[in-house]
Amino acid sequence: MQRLEAYLEEEDHNRKMLIHNLNSNMEKIQNQLQSPTNYRKFYWTPDFNVYGFATRQQIKVNVDNWEKIDALKRLKEQKRAHLAYVNKTQERQVQKANPVPS
């Protein structure tokens, strides 16, 4: 009879430990999910090419990459516009130097 009581006490203790471990694990998971580093926000870049849910760090990296790409696009556009301006200026100078007789 004493062995049965000891066995039941041990089982009860094991059950309580298991419940305690489960509760602490659930608390840890909840804390991790609510951590600002794991919190995901919806975001998009101004040109709407990149969008979705991400952490703050991922958003920062994506926006930095977008800004680099956007800056390169703007630089290319400025170069194209400058070359077009130079070409038009040269054409005007040639037309002034060689007027077409009418």
N, C-alpha and C. Protein backbone atom coordinates (compact mmCIF):
# COMPACT_ATOMS: atom_id res chain seq x y z
N MET A 1 0.82 -1.20 0.00
CA MET A 1 0.00 0.00 0.00
C MET A 1 0.86 1.26 0.00
N GLN A 2 1.96 1.19 0.75
CA GLN A 2 2.84 2.35 0.80
C GLN A 2 3.50 2.60 -0.56
N ARG A 3 3.83 1.52 -1.28
CA ARG A 3 4.43 1.68 -2.61
C ARG A 3 3.45 2.34 -3.57
N LEU A 4 2.17 1.98 -3.43
CA LEU A 4 1.15 2.58 -4.29
C LEU A 4 1.02 4.06 -3.98
N GLU A 5 1.01 4.42 -2.70
CA GLU A 5 0.93 5.83 -2.32
C GLU A 5 2.16 6.61 -2.81
N ALA A 6 3.33 6.00 -2.67
CA ALA A 6 4.55 6.65 -3.14
C ALA A 6 4.50 6.83 -4.66
N TYR A 7 4.02 5.81 -5.35
CA TYR A 7 3.91 5.90 -6.81
C TYR A 7 2.93 7.00 -7.21
N LEU A 8 1.78 7.07 -6.53
CA LEU A 8 0.79 8.09 -6.85
C LEU A 8 1.33 9.49 -6.54
N GLU A 9 2.06 9.63 -5.44
CA GLU A 9 2.66 10.92 -5.10
C GLU A 9 3.68 11.33 -6.17
N GLU A 10 4.49 10.37 -6.60
CA GLU A 10 5.48 10.66 -7.64
C GLU A 10 4.80 11.05 -8.96
N GLU A 11 3.75 10.35 -9.31
CA GLU A 11 3.00 10.68 -10.53
C GLU A 11 2.37 12.07 -10.43
N ASP A 12 1.83 12.37 -9.26
CA ASP A 12 1.23 13.70 -9.05
C ASP A 12 2.30 14.79 -9.17
N HIS A 13 3.47 14.54 -8.57
CA HIS A 13 4.58 15.48 -8.65
C HIS A 13 5.02 15.65 -10.12
N ASN A 14 5.16 14.55 -10.83
CA ASN A 14 5.55 14.62 -12.25
C ASN A 14 4.52 15.39 -13.08
N ARG A 15 3.27 15.16 -12.82
CA ARG A 15 2.19 15.86 -13.53
C ARG A 15 2.26 17.36 -13.27
N LYS A 16 2.48 17.74 -11.98
CA LYS A 16 2.60 19.16 -11.63
C LYS A 16 3.81 19.79 -12.32
N MET A 17 4.93 19.07 -12.38
CA MET A 17 6.14 19.59 -13.05
C MET A 17 5.89 19.76 -14.55
N LEU A 18 5.19 18.79 -15.13
CA LEU A 18 4.89 18.87 -16.55
C LEU A 18 4.01 20.09 -16.85
N ILE A 19 2.98 20.29 -16.03
CA ILE A 19 2.10 21.45 -16.21
C ILE A 19 2.88 22.75 -16.02
N HIS A 20 3.75 22.79 -15.02
CA HIS A 20 4.57 23.98 -14.79
C HIS A 20 5.46 24.25 -16.01
N ASN A 21 6.11 23.21 -16.53
CA ASN A 21 6.99 23.38 -17.69
C ASN A 21 6.20 23.84 -18.92
N LEU A 22 5.03 23.29 -19.11
CA LEU A 22 4.19 23.71 -20.24
C LEU A 22 3.79 25.17 -20.12
N ASN A 23 3.39 25.56 -18.92
CA ASN A 23 3.01 26.96 -18.70
C ASN A 23 4.18 27.91 -18.92
N SER A 24 5.35 27.54 -18.41
CA SER A 24 6.51 28.42 -18.60
C SER A 24 6.90 28.48 -20.08
N ASN A 25 6.82 27.36 -20.79
CA ASN A 25 7.11 27.37 -22.23
C ASN A 25 6.11 28.24 -23.00
N MET A 26 4.84 28.16 -22.61
CA MET A 26 3.82 29.00 -23.26
C MET A 26 4.10 30.47 -23.01
N GLU A 27 4.50 30.81 -21.79
CA GLU A 27 4.84 32.20 -21.47
C GLU A 27 6.03 32.67 -22.29
N LYS A 28 7.06 31.82 -22.41
CA LYS A 28 8.23 32.18 -23.21
C LYS A 28 7.84 32.42 -24.66
N ILE A 29 7.01 31.55 -25.20
CA ILE A 29 6.56 31.71 -26.60
C ILE A 29 5.76 32.99 -26.76
N GLN A 30 4.86 33.27 -25.82
CA GLN A 30 4.09 34.51 -25.88
C GLN A 30 5.00 35.72 -25.84
N ASN A 31 5.98 35.71 -24.95
CA ASN A 31 6.90 36.84 -24.85
C ASN A 31 7.72 37.01 -26.13
N GLN A 32 8.14 35.91 -26.72
CA GLN A 32 8.89 35.99 -27.96
C GLN A 32 8.02 36.53 -29.09
N LEU A 33 6.78 36.10 -29.15
CA LEU A 33 5.88 36.58 -30.21
C LEU A 33 5.58 38.06 -30.06
N GLN A 34 5.52 38.55 -28.83
CA GLN A 34 5.20 39.94 -28.60
C GLN A 34 6.44 40.82 -28.53
N SER A 35 7.59 40.24 -28.71
CA SER A 35 8.84 41.00 -28.69
C SER A 35 8.88 41.94 -29.89
N PRO A 36 9.33 43.18 -29.70
CA PRO A 36 9.40 44.13 -30.82
C PRO A 36 10.28 43.64 -31.96
N THR A 37 11.26 42.80 -31.63
CA THR A 37 12.13 42.30 -32.70
C THR A 37 11.41 41.30 -33.59
N ASN A 38 10.38 40.66 -33.09
CA ASN A 38 9.64 39.69 -33.88
C ASN A 38 8.33 40.26 -34.43
N TYR A 39 7.99 41.46 -33.98
CA TYR A 39 6.72 42.05 -34.41
C TYR A 39 6.83 42.46 -35.87
N ARG A 40 5.87 42.08 -36.66
CA ARG A 40 5.90 42.39 -38.09
C ARG A 40 4.86 43.45 -38.43
N LYS A 41 5.28 44.37 -39.26
CA LYS A 41 4.40 45.45 -39.71
C LYS A 41 4.22 45.35 -41.22
N PHE A 42 3.11 45.88 -41.69
CA PHE A 42 2.93 45.97 -43.14
C PHE A 42 3.59 47.27 -43.60
N TYR A 43 4.33 47.19 -44.70
CA TYR A 43 5.00 48.37 -45.21
C TYR A 43 5.05 48.29 -46.74
N TRP A 44 5.38 49.40 -47.35
CA TRP A 44 5.62 49.42 -48.79
C TRP A 44 6.56 50.57 -49.12
N THR A 45 7.26 50.42 -50.23
CA THR A 45 8.14 51.49 -50.69
C THR A 45 7.30 52.51 -51.44
N PRO A 46 7.78 53.73 -51.57
CA PRO A 46 6.97 54.77 -52.23
C PRO A 46 6.52 54.42 -53.65
N ASP A 47 7.30 53.60 -54.36
CA ASP A 47 6.88 53.23 -55.72
C ASP A 47 6.04 51.95 -55.74
N PHE A 48 5.74 51.40 -54.59
CA PHE A 48 4.91 50.19 -54.41
C PHE A 48 5.50 48.93 -55.05
N ASN A 49 6.79 48.95 -55.39
CA ASN A 49 7.43 47.75 -55.94
C ASN A 49 7.73 46.72 -54.86
N VAL A 50 7.99 47.17 -53.65
CA VAL A 50 8.29 46.26 -52.54
C VAL A 50 7.28 46.52 -51.45
N TYR A 51 6.62 45.45 -51.00
CA TYR A 51 5.64 45.60 -49.92
C TYR A 51 5.48 44.26 -49.23
N GLY A 52 4.91 44.28 -48.04
CA GLY A 52 4.66 43.05 -47.32
C GLY A 52 4.80 43.25 -45.82
N PHE A 53 4.80 42.14 -45.09
CA PHE A 53 4.97 42.17 -43.64
C PHE A 53 6.43 41.86 -43.32
N ALA A 54 7.00 42.63 -42.43
CA ALA A 54 8.39 42.41 -42.05
C ALA A 54 8.67 43.03 -40.69
N THR A 55 9.79 42.61 -40.11
CA THR A 55 10.23 43.20 -38.85
C THR A 55 10.85 44.56 -39.15
N ARG A 56 11.09 45.33 -38.11
CA ARG A 56 11.68 46.67 -38.31
C ARG A 56 13.02 46.58 -39.02
N GLN A 57 13.83 45.61 -38.62
CA GLN A 57 15.15 45.48 -39.23
C GLN A 57 15.03 45.13 -40.72
N GLN A 58 14.12 44.21 -41.05
CA GLN A 58 13.92 43.84 -42.45
C GLN A 58 13.41 45.03 -43.25
N ILE A 59 12.51 45.80 -42.66
CA ILE A 59 11.99 46.99 -43.35
C ILE A 59 13.12 47.96 -43.61
N LYS A 60 13.96 48.18 -42.61
CA LYS A 60 15.08 49.12 -42.76
C LYS A 60 15.99 48.68 -43.90
N VAL A 61 16.33 47.40 -43.94
CA VAL A 61 17.21 46.88 -45.00
C VAL A 61 16.55 47.04 -46.36
N ASN A 62 15.27 46.68 -46.46
CA ASN A 62 14.56 46.78 -47.74
C ASN A 62 14.44 48.22 -48.22
N VAL A 63 14.13 49.13 -47.30
CA VAL A 63 14.00 50.53 -47.69
C VAL A 63 15.36 51.10 -48.09
N ASP A 64 16.42 50.73 -47.37
CA ASP A 64 17.76 51.18 -47.76
C ASP A 64 18.10 50.70 -49.16
N ASN A 65 17.81 49.43 -49.44
CA ASN A 65 18.06 48.90 -50.79
C ASN A 65 17.24 49.64 -51.83
N TRP A 66 15.97 49.90 -51.50
CA TRP A 66 15.12 50.62 -52.45
C TRP A 66 15.67 52.01 -52.71
N GLU A 67 16.12 52.69 -51.64
CA GLU A 67 16.66 54.04 -51.81
C GLU A 67 17.90 54.03 -52.69
N LYS A 68 18.76 53.01 -52.54
CA LYS A 68 19.94 52.91 -53.40
C LYS A 68 19.53 52.72 -54.86
N ILE A 69 18.58 51.82 -55.09
CA ILE A 69 18.11 51.56 -56.45
C ILE A 69 17.45 52.80 -57.02
N ASP A 70 16.62 53.46 -56.23
CA ASP A 70 15.94 54.67 -56.67
C ASP A 70 16.94 55.78 -56.99
N ALA A 71 17.97 55.91 -56.17
CA ALA A 71 19.00 56.93 -56.42
C ALA A 71 19.73 56.64 -57.73
N LEU A 72 20.01 55.36 -57.99
CA LEU A 72 20.66 55.01 -59.26
C LEU A 72 19.76 55.32 -60.44
N LYS A 73 18.46 55.03 -60.30
CA LYS A 73 17.52 55.34 -61.39
C LYS A 73 17.48 56.84 -61.64
N ARG A 74 17.42 57.62 -60.56
CA ARG A 74 17.38 59.07 -60.72
C ARG A 74 18.66 59.59 -61.37
N LEU A 75 19.79 59.03 -60.99
CA LEU A 75 21.07 59.44 -61.57
C LEU A 75 21.10 59.13 -63.07
N LYS A 76 20.62 57.95 -63.44
CA LYS A 76 20.56 57.59 -64.87
C LYS A 76 19.65 58.54 -65.62
N GLU A 77 18.50 58.86 -65.03
CA GLU A 77 17.57 59.80 -65.68
C GLU A 77 18.21 61.17 -65.84
N GLN A 78 18.95 61.62 -64.82
CA GLN A 78 19.63 62.91 -64.91
C GLN A 78 20.68 62.89 -66.01
N LYS A 79 21.43 61.80 -66.12
CA LYS A 79 22.44 61.69 -67.17
C LYS A 79 21.79 61.71 -68.55
N ARG A 80 20.68 60.96 -68.70
CA ARG A 80 19.96 60.96 -69.98
C ARG A 80 19.47 62.35 -70.33
N ALA A 81 18.89 63.03 -69.35
CA ALA A 81 18.39 64.38 -69.59
C ALA A 81 19.52 65.32 -69.95
N HIS A 82 20.65 65.19 -69.28
CA HIS A 82 21.81 66.04 -69.58
C HIS A 82 22.33 65.77 -70.99
N LEU A 83 22.44 64.49 -71.35
CA LEU A 83 22.90 64.15 -72.70
C LEU A 83 21.93 64.67 -73.76
N ALA A 84 20.64 64.58 -73.50
CA ALA A 84 19.65 65.10 -74.45
C ALA A 84 19.81 66.61 -74.58
N TYR A 85 20.03 67.29 -73.47
CA TYR A 85 20.23 68.74 -73.49
C TYR A 85 21.50 69.10 -74.28
N VAL A 86 22.59 68.36 -74.03
CA VAL A 86 23.85 68.61 -74.75
C VAL A 86 23.65 68.38 -76.23
N ASN A 87 22.97 67.30 -76.61
CA ASN A 87 22.73 67.01 -78.03
C ASN A 87 21.92 68.11 -78.70
N LYS A 88 20.87 68.57 -78.03
CA LYS A 88 20.04 69.64 -78.59
C LYS A 88 20.84 70.93 -78.73
N THR A 89 21.66 71.22 -77.71
CA THR A 89 22.50 72.42 -77.76
C THR A 89 23.47 72.33 -78.93
N GLN A 90 24.08 71.19 -79.12
CA GLN A 90 25.01 71.01 -80.24
C GLN A 90 24.28 71.14 -81.58
N GLU A 91 23.08 70.56 -81.67
CA GLU A 91 22.31 70.68 -82.92
C GLU A 91 21.98 72.13 -83.21
N ARG A 92 21.62 72.90 -82.20
CA ARG A 92 21.31 74.32 -82.40
C ARG A 92 22.55 75.09 -82.87
N GLN A 93 23.70 74.75 -82.25
CA GLN A 93 24.93 75.43 -82.64
C GLN A 93 25.28 75.11 -84.10
N VAL A 94 25.07 73.86 -84.48
CA VAL A 94 25.34 73.47 -85.88
C VAL A 94 24.38 74.18 -86.81
N GLN A 95 23.11 74.27 -86.44
CA GLN A 95 22.12 74.95 -87.28
C GLN A 95 22.45 76.43 -87.40
N LYS A 96 22.92 77.06 -86.32
CA LYS A 96 23.29 78.47 -86.38
C LYS A 96 24.52 78.67 -87.27
N ALA A 97 25.47 77.75 -87.18
CA ALA A 97 26.70 77.85 -87.98
C ALA A 97 26.41 77.56 -89.46
N ASN A 98 25.50 76.69 -89.73
CA ASN A 98 25.17 76.33 -91.11
C ASN A 98 23.68 76.57 -91.36
N PRO A 99 23.28 77.80 -91.55
CA PRO A 99 21.87 78.06 -91.77
C PRO A 99 21.40 77.43 -93.09
N VAL A 100 20.19 76.95 -93.06
CA VAL A 100 19.59 76.34 -94.25
C VAL A 100 19.05 77.48 -95.13
N PRO A 101 19.51 77.55 -96.40
CA PRO A 101 19.00 78.62 -97.26
C PRO A 101 17.54 78.39 -97.62
N SER A 102 16.77 79.44 -97.63
CA SER A 102 15.36 79.29 -97.96
C SER A 102 15.02 79.95 -99.27
